[in-house]
Protein backbone atom coordinates (compact mmCIF):
# COMPACT_ATOMS: atom_id res chain seq x y z
CA UNK A 1 -16.58 -9.96 -27.43
CA UNK A 2 -17.97 -12.14 -24.68
CA UNK A 3 -15.67 -13.79 -22.13
CA UNK A 4 -16.87 -17.09 -20.61
CA UNK A 5 -15.15 -18.26 -17.42
CA UNK A 6 -15.30 -22.04 -17.16
CA UNK A 7 -13.55 -23.96 -14.36
CA UNK A 8 -10.84 -25.24 -16.71
CA UNK A 9 -10.70 -22.58 -19.43
CA UNK A 10 -11.66 -19.12 -20.63
CA UNK A 11 -13.57 -18.85 -23.90
CA UNK A 12 -13.65 -15.62 -25.91
CA UNK A 13 -16.68 -15.43 -28.19
CA UNK A 14 -16.92 -12.79 -30.97
CA UNK A 15 -20.24 -10.93 -30.78
CA UNK A 16 -19.72 -8.41 -33.57
CA UNK A 17 -21.67 -10.40 -36.14
CA UNK A 18 -18.64 -12.18 -37.56
CA UNK A 19 -18.79 -15.95 -38.00
CA UNK A 20 -15.30 -16.50 -36.60
CA UNK A 21 -14.37 -19.31 -34.25
CA UNK A 22 -14.18 -18.87 -30.51
CA UNK A 23 -10.85 -18.72 -28.70
CA UNK A 24 -10.32 -21.19 -25.85
CA UNK A 25 -7.57 -20.49 -23.30
CA UNK A 26 -6.57 -23.14 -20.78
CA UNK A 27 -6.60 -21.99 -17.15
CA UNK A 28 -3.95 -24.61 -16.39
CA UNK A 29 -1.10 -23.48 -18.66
CA UNK A 30 -2.46 -20.68 -20.87
CA UNK A 31 -2.41 -22.77 -24.07
CA UNK A 32 -4.75 -21.52 -26.81
CA UNK A 33 -6.81 -23.05 -29.58
CA UNK A 34 -9.80 -22.17 -31.73
CA UNK A 35 -13.11 -23.96 -31.19
CA UNK A 36 -16.35 -23.82 -33.16
CA UNK A 37 -18.87 -23.77 -30.31
CA UNK A 38 -19.18 -22.72 -26.69
CA UNK A 39 -18.69 -25.78 -24.44
CA UNK A 40 -21.73 -27.23 -22.71
CA UNK A 41 -21.96 -26.50 -19.00
CA UNK A 42 -23.84 -28.22 -16.22
CA UNK A 43 -26.56 -26.47 -14.25
CA UNK A 44 -24.38 -26.81 -11.14
CA UNK A 45 -21.40 -24.91 -12.57
CA UNK A 46 -22.82 -21.92 -14.47
CA UNK A 47 -19.92 -19.98 -16.05
CA UNK A 48 -19.44 -16.31 -15.35
CA UNK A 49 -19.95 -14.22 -18.50
CA UNK A 50 -18.85 -10.65 -19.18
CA UNK A 51 -18.37 -8.35 -22.14
CA UNK A 52 -14.83 -7.44 -23.14
CA UNK A 53 -13.59 -5.15 -25.91
CA UNK A 54 -10.30 -6.71 -26.90
CA UNK A 55 -7.42 -8.93 -25.88
CA UNK A 56 -4.29 -6.98 -24.99
CA UNK A 57 -2.11 -10.08 -24.80
CA UNK A 58 -0.75 -12.89 -22.69
CA UNK A 59 2.11 -12.71 -20.19
CA UNK A 60 3.91 -15.86 -19.04
CA UNK A 61 5.53 -15.82 -15.61
CA UNK A 62 7.31 -18.60 -13.69
CA UNK A 63 4.56 -21.23 -13.64
CA UNK A 64 1.38 -19.52 -14.78
CA UNK A 65 0.24 -17.33 -17.66
CA UNK A 66 -1.93 -14.23 -17.40
CA UNK A 67 -4.47 -12.96 -19.91
CA UNK A 68 -4.90 -9.18 -20.19
CA UNK A 69 -8.21 -7.95 -21.61
CA UNK A 70 -10.03 -4.64 -22.02
CA UNK A 71 -13.17 -4.61 -19.87
CA UNK A 72 -14.21 -0.97 -20.39
CA UNK A 73 -13.55 1.52 -23.18
CA UNK A 74 -14.41 5.11 -24.09
CA UNK A 75 -14.67 6.54 -27.60
CA UNK A 76 -12.48 9.67 -27.61
CA UNK A 77 -12.79 10.75 -31.25
CA UNK A 78 -11.79 9.63 -34.72
CA UNK A 79 -8.50 9.33 -36.56
CA UNK A 80 -8.88 9.98 -40.28
CA UNK A 81 -12.53 8.96 -40.07
CA UNK A 82 -12.10 5.88 -37.89
CA UNK A 83 -13.21 5.72 -34.22
CA UNK A 84 -10.48 5.73 -31.54
CA UNK A 85 -11.04 4.21 -28.11
CA UNK A 86 -9.34 4.78 -24.78
CA UNK A 87 -8.93 1.87 -22.37
CA UNK A 88 -10.99 2.75 -19.27
CA UNK A 89 -10.43 -0.56 -17.50
CA UNK A 90 -7.88 -3.31 -17.97
CA UNK A 91 -8.18 -6.66 -16.17
CA UNK A 92 -5.80 -9.57 -15.69
CA UNK A 93 -7.19 -13.13 -15.74
CA UNK A 94 -4.83 -15.77 -14.30
CA UNK A 95 -4.17 -19.08 -16.02
CA UNK A 96 -2.23 -20.47 -13.10
CA UNK A 97 -3.86 -23.72 -12.00
CA UNK A 98 -0.51 -25.47 -12.60
CA UNK A 99 0.79 -23.60 -9.56
CA UNK A 100 -0.91 -26.23 -7.38
CA UNK A 101 1.76 -28.76 -8.31
CA UNK A 102 4.69 -26.32 -8.51
CA UNK A 103 7.55 -26.30 -5.99
CA UNK A 104 7.19 -23.90 -3.07
CA UNK A 105 10.03 -21.70 -4.32
CA UNK A 106 8.27 -21.22 -7.67
CA UNK A 107 5.06 -20.31 -5.88
CA UNK A 108 6.89 -17.58 -3.97
CA UNK A 109 8.43 -16.17 -7.15
CA UNK A 110 5.06 -16.32 -8.93
CA UNK A 111 3.47 -14.33 -6.10
CA UNK A 112 6.21 -11.68 -6.39
CA UNK A 113 5.71 -11.31 -10.14
CA UNK A 114 1.92 -11.56 -10.25
CA UNK A 115 1.71 -8.80 -7.64
CA UNK A 116 3.15 -6.44 -10.24
CA UNK A 117 0.17 -7.13 -12.51
CA UNK A 118 -2.10 -5.29 -10.08
CA UNK A 119 -0.11 -2.17 -11.01
CA UNK A 120 -0.43 -3.08 -14.71
CA UNK A 121 -4.23 -2.85 -14.50
CA UNK A 122 -3.87 0.87 -13.69
CA UNK A 123 -1.67 1.70 -16.71
CA UNK A 124 -2.79 5.13 -18.00
CA UNK A 125 -3.18 6.43 -21.54
CA UNK A 126 -3.83 3.23 -23.53
CA UNK A 127 -5.62 3.73 -26.86
CA UNK A 128 -6.67 1.44 -29.72
CA UNK A 129 -8.70 1.24 -32.90
CA UNK A 130 -10.30 -1.73 -34.61
CA UNK A 131 -10.08 -0.13 -38.07
CA UNK A 132 -6.97 2.03 -38.45
CA UNK A 133 -3.33 1.73 -37.52
CA UNK A 134 -2.78 4.48 -34.93
CA UNK A 135 0.92 3.66 -34.52
CA UNK A 136 1.54 5.41 -37.85
CA UNK A 137 1.28 9.12 -38.61
CA UNK A 138 -1.06 10.27 -41.37
CA UNK A 139 1.90 10.70 -43.73
CA UNK A 140 3.24 7.21 -43.12
CA UNK A 141 -0.27 5.78 -43.49
CA UNK A 142 -0.72 7.63 -46.79
CA UNK A 143 2.63 6.40 -48.07
CA UNK A 144 1.94 2.72 -47.25
CA UNK A 145 2.03 0.49 -50.30
CA UNK A 146 -1.11 -1.30 -51.47
CA UNK A 147 0.17 -4.65 -50.22
CA UNK A 148 0.92 -3.25 -46.75
CA UNK A 149 -2.56 -1.77 -46.49
CA UNK A 150 -4.04 -5.26 -46.88
CA UNK A 151 -2.07 -6.66 -43.94
CA UNK A 152 -3.63 -7.03 -40.47
CA UNK A 153 -3.20 -3.93 -38.30
CA UNK A 154 -0.58 -5.55 -36.04
CA UNK A 155 1.64 -6.30 -39.05
CA UNK A 156 1.40 -2.71 -40.27
CA UNK A 157 2.24 -1.33 -36.83
CA UNK A 158 5.42 0.55 -35.97
CA UNK A 159 6.94 -1.64 -33.22
CA UNK A 160 8.32 1.46 -31.47
CA UNK A 161 4.82 2.53 -30.51
CA UNK A 162 3.15 -0.87 -30.08
CA UNK A 163 2.68 -0.95 -26.30
CA UNK A 164 1.58 -4.60 -26.20
CA UNK A 165 4.17 -5.83 -28.70
CA UNK A 166 5.71 -8.35 -26.30
CA UNK A 167 2.38 -9.57 -24.91
CA UNK A 168 1.04 -10.28 -28.43
CA UNK A 169 3.83 -12.76 -29.21
CA UNK A 170 1.92 -15.77 -27.88
CA UNK A 171 -1.13 -14.90 -30.00
CA UNK A 172 1.07 -14.32 -33.04
CA UNK A 173 2.77 -17.70 -32.56
CA UNK A 174 -0.68 -19.32 -32.47
CA UNK A 175 -1.73 -17.47 -35.67
CA UNK A 176 -4.69 -15.77 -33.97
CA UNK A 177 -4.85 -12.70 -36.25
CA UNK A 178 -8.55 -11.90 -35.58
CA UNK A 179 -7.75 -11.50 -31.87
CA UNK A 180 -4.62 -9.34 -32.25
CA UNK A 181 -5.34 -5.76 -31.18
CA UNK A 182 -2.54 -3.14 -31.40
CA UNK A 183 -2.51 -0.82 -28.36
CA UNK A 184 -0.65 2.49 -28.09
CA UNK A 185 0.25 4.37 -24.93
CA UNK A 186 -0.01 8.14 -25.23
CA UNK A 187 -2.87 10.54 -25.58
CA UNK A 188 -5.61 11.45 -28.04
CA UNK A 189 -7.15 14.95 -27.92
CA UNK A 190 -9.64 16.48 -30.35
CA UNK A 191 -11.85 19.55 -30.78
CA UNK A 192 -13.97 21.29 -33.40
CA UNK A 193 -14.30 25.07 -33.72
CA UNK A 194 -15.81 27.59 -36.12
CA UNK A 195 -13.72 29.99 -38.17
CA UNK A 196 -16.35 32.16 -39.76
CA UNK A 197 -18.57 29.76 -41.69
CA UNK A 198 -15.98 27.01 -41.71
CA UNK A 199 -15.70 24.21 -39.14
CA UNK A 200 -12.17 23.11 -38.33
CA UNK A 201 -11.37 19.76 -36.72
CA UNK A 202 -8.05 19.56 -34.83
CA UNK A 203 -6.61 16.36 -33.39
CA UNK A 204 -3.47 15.88 -31.32
CA UNK A 205 -2.00 12.40 -30.84
CA UNK A 206 0.95 11.31 -28.71
CA UNK A 207 2.67 7.97 -29.26
CA UNK A 208 5.12 6.85 -26.56
CA UNK A 209 8.05 4.70 -27.65
CA UNK A 210 8.48 1.39 -25.79
CA UNK A 211 12.21 0.91 -26.46
CA UNK A 212 13.33 2.70 -23.26
CA UNK A 213 10.06 3.23 -21.49
CA UNK A 214 9.69 3.76 -17.78
CA UNK A 215 9.32 6.22 -14.94
CA UNK A 216 10.88 9.65 -14.64
CA UNK A 217 13.88 8.89 -12.39
CA UNK A 218 14.47 5.25 -13.31
CA UNK A 219 14.64 5.78 -17.06
CA UNK A 220 16.87 8.69 -18.06
CA UNK A 221 19.05 9.41 -21.07
CA UNK A 222 19.79 6.76 -23.68
CA UNK A 223 20.82 3.13 -23.81
CA UNK A 224 23.84 1.91 -25.76
CA UNK A 225 21.73 1.51 -28.92
CA UNK A 226 20.70 5.18 -28.88
CA UNK A 227 17.09 4.66 -27.75
CA UNK A 228 16.11 7.43 -25.33
CA UNK A 229 13.76 7.70 -22.38
CA UNK A 230 10.39 9.42 -22.74
CA UNK A 231 10.57 9.45 -26.53
CA UNK A 232 7.19 10.67 -27.77
CA UNK A 233 5.93 11.35 -31.29
CA UNK A 234 3.26 14.09 -31.26
CA UNK A 235 1.12 14.51 -34.36
CA UNK A 236 -1.17 17.49 -34.88
CA UNK A 237 -3.85 16.92 -37.55
CA UNK A 238 -6.11 19.58 -39.04
CA UNK A 239 -9.14 18.76 -41.22
CA UNK A 240 -11.10 21.52 -42.95
CA UNK A 241 -13.21 21.68 -46.11
CA UNK A 242 -11.91 18.30 -47.30
CA UNK A 243 -8.27 19.20 -46.71
CA UNK A 244 -6.14 17.25 -44.23
CA UNK A 245 -2.87 18.57 -42.82
CA UNK A 246 -0.54 16.78 -40.43
CA UNK A 247 2.54 18.00 -38.57
CA UNK A 248 4.78 15.73 -36.48
CA UNK A 249 7.16 16.69 -33.66
CA UNK A 250 9.19 14.45 -31.36
CA UNK A 251 10.61 14.76 -27.86
CA UNK A 252 13.11 12.59 -26.03
CA UNK A 253 15.70 12.59 -23.26
CA UNK A 254 19.24 13.87 -23.88
CA UNK A 255 20.82 10.99 -25.87
CA UNK A 256 23.77 10.34 -23.56
CA UNK A 257 24.30 7.54 -21.06
CA UNK A 258 23.26 9.30 -17.85
CA UNK A 259 21.34 8.65 -14.66
CA UNK A 260 19.70 10.61 -11.86
CA UNK A 261 19.18 7.98 -9.17
CA UNK A 262 16.80 8.97 -6.39
CA UNK A 263 18.42 9.32 -2.94
CA UNK A 264 15.77 11.25 -0.91
CA UNK A 265 17.20 14.63 -2.01
CA UNK A 266 14.83 16.92 -3.90
CA UNK A 267 17.07 17.01 -6.97
CA UNK A 268 19.51 14.07 -7.20
CA UNK A 269 22.83 14.59 -8.94
CA UNK A 270 23.20 13.94 -12.66
CA UNK A 271 25.65 11.12 -13.34
CA UNK A 272 27.11 10.71 -16.83
CA UNK A 273 28.05 7.07 -17.44
CA UNK A 274 30.72 5.84 -19.88
CA UNK A 275 31.36 9.28 -21.37
CA UNK A 276 33.69 7.78 -23.98
CA UNK A 277 30.65 6.17 -25.64
CA UNK A 278 28.75 9.47 -25.98
CA UNK A 279 29.68 10.20 -29.65
CA UNK A 280 28.64 6.71 -30.76
CA UNK A 281 25.34 6.77 -28.82
CA UNK A 282 24.42 10.23 -30.13
CA UNK A 283 25.28 9.18 -33.68
CA UNK A 284 23.11 6.05 -33.44
CA UNK A 285 20.19 8.05 -32.06
CA UNK A 286 20.20 10.67 -34.79
CA UNK A 287 20.90 8.16 -37.56
CA UNK A 288 17.67 6.41 -36.54
CA UNK A 289 15.77 9.73 -36.44
CA UNK A 290 16.97 10.74 -39.90
CA UNK A 291 15.95 7.38 -41.35
CA UNK A 292 12.45 7.75 -39.96
CA UNK A 293 11.79 11.50 -40.24
CA UNK A 294 14.29 13.04 -42.67
CA UNK A 295 15.98 16.28 -41.64
CA UNK A 296 16.30 16.83 -37.89
CA UNK A 297 16.54 20.01 -35.82
CA UNK A 298 17.50 19.22 -32.21
CA UNK A 299 16.31 21.97 -29.84
CA UNK A 300 17.95 21.70 -26.41
CA UNK A 301 16.09 23.68 -23.71
CA UNK A 302 18.18 22.85 -20.62
CA UNK A 303 20.06 25.31 -18.41
CA UNK A 304 23.64 26.31 -19.25
CA UNK A 305 24.78 26.06 -15.62
CA UNK A 306 24.90 23.40 -12.92
CA UNK A 307 24.22 19.72 -13.55
CA UNK A 308 21.99 20.50 -16.52
CA UNK A 309 24.78 22.61 -17.99
CA UNK A 310 27.25 19.73 -17.84
CA UNK A 311 24.80 17.47 -19.66
CA UNK A 312 24.12 20.12 -22.28
CA UNK A 313 27.84 20.70 -22.79
CA UNK A 314 28.48 17.00 -23.43
CA UNK A 315 25.44 16.79 -25.72
CA UNK A 316 26.57 19.81 -27.73
CA UNK A 317 30.13 18.45 -27.92
CA UNK A 318 28.95 15.09 -29.24
CA UNK A 319 26.75 16.84 -31.82
CA UNK A 320 29.76 18.73 -33.22
CA UNK A 321 31.02 15.49 -34.78
CA UNK A 322 27.82 14.65 -36.65
CA UNK A 323 26.63 18.06 -37.91
CA UNK A 324 25.41 17.84 -41.51
CA UNK A 325 23.03 19.49 -43.93
CA UNK A 326 20.18 17.32 -42.61
CA UNK A 327 21.01 17.63 -38.90
CA UNK A 328 21.15 20.83 -36.83
CA UNK A 329 21.57 21.47 -33.10
CA UNK A 330 20.29 24.57 -31.32
CA UNK A 331 20.57 25.39 -27.62
CA UNK A 332 17.98 27.69 -26.04
CA UNK A 333 18.34 28.32 -22.30
CA UNK A 334 14.62 28.32 -21.53
CA UNK A 335 14.86 29.31 -17.86
CA UNK A 336 17.40 32.10 -18.40
CA UNK A 337 15.50 33.68 -21.30
CA UNK A 338 11.89 33.00 -20.29
CA UNK A 339 12.26 32.69 -16.51
CA UNK A 340 9.15 31.30 -14.86
CA UNK A 341 6.59 33.74 -16.26
CA UNK A 342 7.79 35.34 -19.53
CA UNK A 343 7.07 32.48 -21.89
CA UNK A 344 6.13 34.91 -24.64
CA UNK A 345 9.89 35.21 -25.14
CA UNK A 346 9.74 31.89 -26.93
CA UNK A 347 9.32 34.11 -29.98
CA UNK A 348 13.13 34.46 -29.80
CA UNK A 349 13.42 30.71 -30.32
CA UNK A 350 10.85 30.72 -33.09
CA UNK A 351 12.83 33.32 -35.03
CA UNK A 352 15.80 30.94 -34.93
CA UNK A 353 13.91 27.89 -36.19
CA UNK A 354 11.40 29.45 -38.59
CA UNK A 355 13.55 28.77 -41.65
CA UNK A 356 13.72 25.05 -40.77
CA UNK A 357 9.93 24.85 -40.32
CA UNK A 358 9.23 26.61 -43.61
CA UNK A 359 11.74 24.47 -45.51
CA UNK A 360 10.58 21.11 -44.11
CA UNK A 361 6.86 21.81 -44.28
CA UNK A 362 4.04 19.41 -43.30
CA UNK A 363 1.76 16.85 -44.87
CA UNK A 364 -1.11 18.37 -46.87
CA UNK A 365 -3.78 16.33 -48.64
CA UNK A 366 -6.33 17.98 -50.95
CA UNK A 367 -10.04 17.25 -51.23
CA UNK A 368 -9.30 14.15 -53.33
CA UNK A 369 -6.88 12.77 -50.76
CA UNK A 370 -3.92 13.54 -53.00
CA UNK A 371 -0.61 14.54 -51.44
CA UNK A 372 0.11 18.22 -52.11
CA UNK A 373 2.91 18.66 -49.55
CA UNK A 374 4.99 16.25 -47.50
CA UNK A 375 6.82 16.79 -44.24
CA UNK A 376 10.54 16.47 -44.92
CA UNK A 377 11.95 16.84 -41.43
CA UNK A 378 11.19 16.97 -37.72
CA UNK A 379 11.94 19.19 -34.73
CA UNK A 380 13.26 17.16 -31.80
CA UNK A 381 12.80 19.01 -28.50
CA UNK A 382 14.26 18.14 -25.14
CA UNK A 383 14.65 19.54 -21.64
CA UNK A 384 15.63 17.35 -18.70
CA UNK A 385 12.33 15.49 -18.26
CA UNK A 386 11.02 16.37 -21.75
CA UNK A 387 7.73 17.32 -20.10
CA UNK A 388 7.18 20.90 -18.97
CA UNK A 389 9.50 23.19 -20.92
CA UNK A 390 9.20 20.83 -23.88
CA UNK A 391 5.39 20.94 -23.95
CA UNK A 392 5.31 24.76 -23.77
CA UNK A 393 7.74 24.92 -26.70
CA UNK A 394 6.00 22.27 -28.78
CA UNK A 395 2.62 23.97 -28.33
CA UNK A 396 4.13 27.21 -29.67
CA UNK A 397 5.54 25.40 -32.72
CA UNK A 398 2.25 23.56 -33.26
CA UNK A 399 0.35 26.86 -33.27
CA UNK A 400 2.70 28.42 -35.79
CA UNK A 401 2.44 25.43 -38.12
CA UNK A 402 -1.36 25.38 -37.89
CA UNK A 403 -1.41 29.04 -38.89
CA UNK A 404 0.84 28.20 -41.87
CA UNK A 405 -1.60 25.49 -42.95
CA UNK A 406 -4.68 27.72 -42.63
CA UNK A 407 -3.00 30.40 -44.73
CA UNK A 408 -2.04 27.81 -47.32
CA UNK A 409 -5.64 26.67 -47.89
CA UNK A 410 -6.95 30.24 -47.89
CA UNK A 411 -8.74 30.40 -44.53
CA UNK A 412 -6.33 32.91 -42.91
CA UNK A 413 -4.87 35.96 -44.57
CA UNK A 414 -1.14 36.73 -44.44
CA UNK A 415 -1.19 38.38 -40.99
CA UNK A 416 -4.04 36.47 -39.36
CA UNK A 417 -3.32 34.36 -36.29
CA UNK A 418 -5.22 31.92 -34.11
CA UNK A 419 -5.31 34.46 -31.26
CA UNK A 420 -7.73 36.59 -33.30
CA UNK A 421 -10.36 33.83 -32.91
CA UNK A 422 -10.99 33.57 -29.11
CA UNK A 423 -12.99 30.32 -29.06
CA UNK A 424 -10.59 28.60 -31.44
CA UNK A 425 -7.60 29.93 -29.51
CA UNK A 426 -8.97 28.72 -26.17
CA UNK A 427 -9.73 25.22 -27.50
CA UNK A 428 -6.28 24.95 -29.06
CA UNK A 429 -4.55 25.87 -25.80
CA UNK A 430 -6.62 23.37 -23.82
CA UNK A 431 -5.78 20.72 -26.44
CA UNK A 432 -2.03 21.13 -25.88
CA UNK A 433 -2.37 21.51 -22.10
CA UNK A 434 -4.24 18.21 -21.86
CA UNK A 435 -1.69 16.63 -24.18
CA UNK A 436 1.15 17.72 -21.88
CA UNK A 437 -0.68 16.59 -18.75
CA UNK A 438 -1.28 13.08 -20.11
CA UNK A 439 2.33 12.55 -21.18
CA UNK A 440 3.55 13.89 -17.85
CA UNK A 441 1.25 11.60 -15.83
CA UNK A 442 2.57 8.57 -17.72
CA UNK A 443 6.24 9.48 -17.07
CA UNK A 444 6.29 11.40 -13.78
CA UNK A 445 2.95 10.55 -12.16
CA UNK A 446 1.61 14.14 -12.12
CA UNK A 447 0.22 16.63 -14.65
CA UNK A 448 2.71 18.89 -16.41
CA UNK A 449 4.18 21.95 -14.74
CA UNK A 450 3.76 25.33 -16.47
CA UNK A 451 0.44 24.01 -17.78
CA UNK A 452 -1.34 27.26 -16.93
CA UNK A 453 0.63 29.09 -19.63
CA UNK A 454 -0.24 26.47 -22.24
CA UNK A 455 -3.87 26.46 -21.09
CA UNK A 456 -4.45 30.20 -20.60
CA UNK A 457 -1.57 31.92 -22.38
CA UNK A 458 -0.16 33.37 -19.14
CA UNK A 459 1.22 32.37 -15.77
CA UNK A 460 -1.25 32.53 -12.86
CA UNK A 461 -0.86 32.43 -9.08
CA UNK A 462 -3.07 29.35 -8.98
CA UNK A 463 -0.90 27.70 -11.63
CA UNK A 464 2.32 28.44 -9.72
CA UNK A 465 0.83 27.00 -6.51
CA UNK A 466 -0.37 23.93 -8.41
CA UNK A 467 3.13 23.47 -9.83
CA UNK A 468 4.52 23.53 -6.29
CA UNK A 469 2.10 20.83 -5.18
CA UNK A 470 2.80 18.68 -8.25
CA UNK A 471 6.54 19.01 -7.63
CA UNK A 472 6.07 17.61 -4.11
CA UNK A 473 3.90 14.77 -5.44
CA UNK A 474 6.57 13.96 -8.03
CA UNK A 475 9.17 13.84 -5.26
CA UNK A 476 7.06 11.37 -3.28
CA UNK A 477 6.27 9.13 -6.26
CA UNK A 478 9.85 9.15 -7.56
CA UNK A 479 11.30 8.18 -4.17
CA UNK A 480 8.68 5.81 -2.75
CA UNK A 481 6.52 4.35 -5.57
CA UNK A 482 8.21 4.37 -8.96
CA UNK A 483 10.60 1.46 -8.38
CA UNK A 484 7.68 -0.97 -8.31
CA UNK A 485 6.05 0.79 -11.26
CA UNK A 486 9.30 0.47 -13.22
CA UNK A 487 9.39 -3.27 -12.54
CA UNK A 488 5.84 -3.57 -13.87
CA UNK A 489 6.75 -1.72 -17.06
CA UNK A 490 9.85 -3.84 -17.61
CA UNK A 491 7.77 -6.99 -17.13
CA UNK A 492 5.00 -5.93 -19.54
CA UNK A 493 7.41 -4.73 -22.22
CA UNK A 494 9.60 -7.82 -22.12
CA UNK A 495 12.65 -5.88 -20.94
CA UNK A 496 12.83 -8.50 -18.20
CA UNK A 497 12.14 -12.09 -19.29
CA UNK A 498 10.84 -14.29 -16.48
CA UNK A 499 12.72 -17.54 -16.01
CA UNK A 500 12.73 -20.18 -13.28
CA UNK A 501 16.52 -19.83 -13.11
CA UNK A 502 16.31 -16.09 -12.42
CA UNK A 503 15.57 -14.60 -9.04
CA UNK A 504 14.20 -11.19 -8.20
CA UNK A 505 15.47 -11.48 -4.62
CA UNK A 506 12.23 -11.45 -2.59
CA UNK A 507 12.08 -8.91 0.21
CA UNK A 508 12.43 -11.68 2.78
CA UNK A 509 15.81 -12.65 1.30
CA UNK A 510 17.41 -9.21 1.07
CA UNK A 511 20.73 -8.91 2.80
CA UNK A 512 22.67 -6.17 4.55
CA UNK A 513 21.09 -2.79 5.11
CA UNK A 514 18.32 -3.50 2.57
CA UNK A 515 16.97 -6.24 4.87
CA UNK A 516 15.75 -3.71 7.42
CA UNK A 517 15.84 -0.33 5.64
CA UNK A 518 12.35 1.16 5.92
CA UNK A 519 11.76 4.86 5.40
CA UNK A 520 8.36 4.90 7.19
CA UNK A 521 9.95 3.21 10.22
CA UNK A 522 12.92 5.58 10.20
CA UNK A 523 10.63 8.60 9.87
CA UNK A 524 8.51 7.34 12.77
CA UNK A 525 11.60 6.95 14.96
CA UNK A 526 12.82 10.44 14.09
CA UNK A 527 9.46 12.06 14.87
CA UNK A 528 9.12 10.04 18.10
CA UNK A 529 12.61 11.07 19.16
CA UNK A 530 11.94 14.76 18.63
CA UNK A 531 8.59 14.45 20.43
CA UNK A 532 10.26 12.86 23.47
CA UNK A 533 13.04 15.46 23.36
CA UNK A 534 10.47 18.28 23.39
CA UNK A 535 8.49 16.63 26.19
CA UNK A 536 11.64 16.16 28.32
CA UNK A 537 12.72 19.75 27.69
CA UNK A 538 9.45 21.00 29.15
CA UNK A 539 10.13 19.06 32.35
CA UNK A 540 13.63 20.51 32.93
CA UNK A 541 12.44 23.08 35.47
CA UNK A 542 11.20 20.22 37.68
CA UNK A 543 14.17 17.89 37.24
CA UNK A 544 17.54 18.74 35.63
CA UNK A 545 17.88 15.10 34.47
CA UNK A 546 15.24 15.85 31.83
CA UNK A 547 17.78 18.08 30.06
CA UNK A 548 20.01 15.02 29.63
CA UNK A 549 17.08 12.97 28.29
CA UNK A 550 16.09 15.77 25.93
CA UNK A 551 19.61 16.00 24.50
CA UNK A 552 19.78 12.20 24.24
CA UNK A 553 16.50 11.89 22.32
CA UNK A 554 17.31 14.81 20.03
CA UNK A 555 20.77 13.37 19.31
CA UNK A 556 19.28 9.97 18.55
CA UNK A 557 16.78 11.52 16.12
CA UNK A 558 19.52 13.52 14.39
CA UNK A 559 21.72 10.43 14.15
CA UNK A 560 18.92 8.40 12.53
CA UNK A 561 18.16 11.28 10.15
CA UNK A 562 21.85 11.57 9.19
CA UNK A 563 22.07 7.79 8.66
CA UNK A 564 18.99 7.80 6.41
CA UNK A 565 20.32 10.78 4.46
CA UNK A 566 23.72 9.12 3.96
CA UNK A 567 22.05 5.91 2.73
CA UNK A 568 19.18 7.60 0.87
CA UNK A 569 19.25 5.31 -2.15
CA UNK A 570 18.68 2.22 -0.01
CA UNK A 571 15.65 3.78 1.69
CA UNK A 572 13.97 4.58 -1.64
CA UNK A 573 11.62 2.29 -3.56
CA UNK A 574 14.00 0.86 -6.16
CA UNK A 575 13.42 -1.44 -9.16
CA UNK A 576 14.35 -5.04 -8.49
CA UNK A 577 14.27 -6.52 -11.99
CA UNK A 578 16.71 -4.14 -13.67
CA UNK A 579 19.18 -3.19 -10.98
CA UNK A 580 20.13 0.52 -11.23
CA UNK A 581 23.78 1.52 -10.70
CA UNK A 582 24.62 2.43 -7.11
C-alpha cells in the first residue's frame, strides 16, 4: 500500500492491483472513512508518500489516536504453501492535532503515554500473512468448516494469538475488512534438507498468547482466570513427497498465583499469592487446555528444593484433585538429573512419556490432503521461565515425533534416527535453537540459555560463558528496563485502557521515597564514597585525620548501599500502569 501524509489526514492507497477504495484517517481525531480518490494537493504543500505493507491497528490515548503500520517486511518462508512475512520495521503515526486545544494536564498525560509507543516500534517477533491464518495450527485449519474458510482472516483467527487484537477494534467497528491484517508474535523457522533422494521441508512456528503477556519478572504464574504467563504454542510441520505432518506442543508458566518481584537481588524470592485459590486456578487452566487440545500431559521441570520446590509442591498438590484419564502430571527434576552438561539424560524423561506420545499421535495428511491421523493430545512443558530447560526438552520431543512421522511414511526404517543424517541433524538443531532464542528474547530480553546443547548436541565452554553473559544481561533488563516495556505491552494489548479520569502518576508527581529514588545516582554516590575513602586512606601516613575521613566516607558508602538494598524494589524500573504487589 501507499501512505500519503497530508496536513489534515493520512490516506492509505492500495497498490496491489485491487480496485478498492482508499482509507482516509483524520490527523485531528483519528476518525476513518473510505474515499474513492486521492485528494488534490497544492504545489506548495506536496504530501510525503511512502510504501507500507499493512496496517497493524489504531491506538487511542487521552486526546490523540496513533496509527501503527508496517514499513518494512521480510519473507521468512511459507506456511502450507502461503508466504509468511516478518515485520522488520513498525512505525507509529500520530493523529493528535486535537492536543493543541486540550488542557495542559491532558497534554502531560498524552506525553507520558505516547512515549511508550517508541518502545512499541521495537517489538520483536511479529509475523503476518496476507493469505493464510497463521494463528491456527495445520490441524485446526484443516478442520475449519467451509463457511469459516470463507470468512476474512481476522474473523478466523484464534484471539489468544492475535497480537493486534485490541488495536484492530477501531477498524472492525468501521467495517474496514480489506485493511484488517492479523499479526502474531512468536517465531517462524524453516529449512530444507535431503534424505537420500527425498527433499524434506521442516517448519517450526511459535505463537505467543496475549492473555497474560509481558516481561519475564513482571508477568509470572497465572491470573485468576487460569491464563498463564509466557504461554506459547509451538508447531512443528514436516512436508515430504506430498505428505504433511504437524505436531503441536505448548509451554506456559506454573498455573498458580505467584510473583517474583525484582528487588536488585540476582534471584528474587518466589511469592505465592492467595494459595487458597490454587485448585480453582489450576482447574480453569487445564479445563481450557483440554477443550482446545484434548488430552494433556503436564511435564514439570523445576527443582524439587528451594523456592522452585515450594512452587512445584503446590502445583503437584493442586493437580492431585483434577487427575483424570485425559490429564496427567509428571515431575522431572531437570537440574538434578541432567545437571548443566548431561542433557542426554533426557532419555529418562522420554521413556516416561513415550506411551502418551504414541497414543496421542500427530496430524498426518496424505498426498490428496486427506486426514490420515489426528493429534489427540498435547504435552505441556514448564520450568520457571519456560525458556531454557523447556526448549531443550521440547526439541527432544520434537525430534522423536519427527522420527515417528518419517517411519510412518516409509522414509526411515524402524531403527533409523535423524542423527544418522548429519546435514539434516545439524539443520534441525539450529531450527530449535533459533526457535528458543526468539521466544526467550521476547520474554526475557536475551537469547535462551543452554542453547549450545540444542544447537550442537553438547555443552561447550563458549556456550557456558555465553550463558553467564546472558544471565547478567537478563538481570540488568529485568531490574532497570522491563517495567517500561511491561507498560508498553499492557497498553498495546488493551490490558490498560486509557481514560482521562485515570492517572499514571507522572514521575514529577511521585511521592515519598519514589520521588527521589534513582539507582544510577545511588551507585554514583557509593562509588564516589569508596573512591574518597581509598584516597584518604593513602594520605594517613601524612596526617592521621585522613583515617577519620576514610572511615567516614566508607561508612557513608556502606550506609547508602544498605539503604538501596533494603529498598531494592523502589530503585528498580517498575510498571506504572498495572501496579505490582509490594
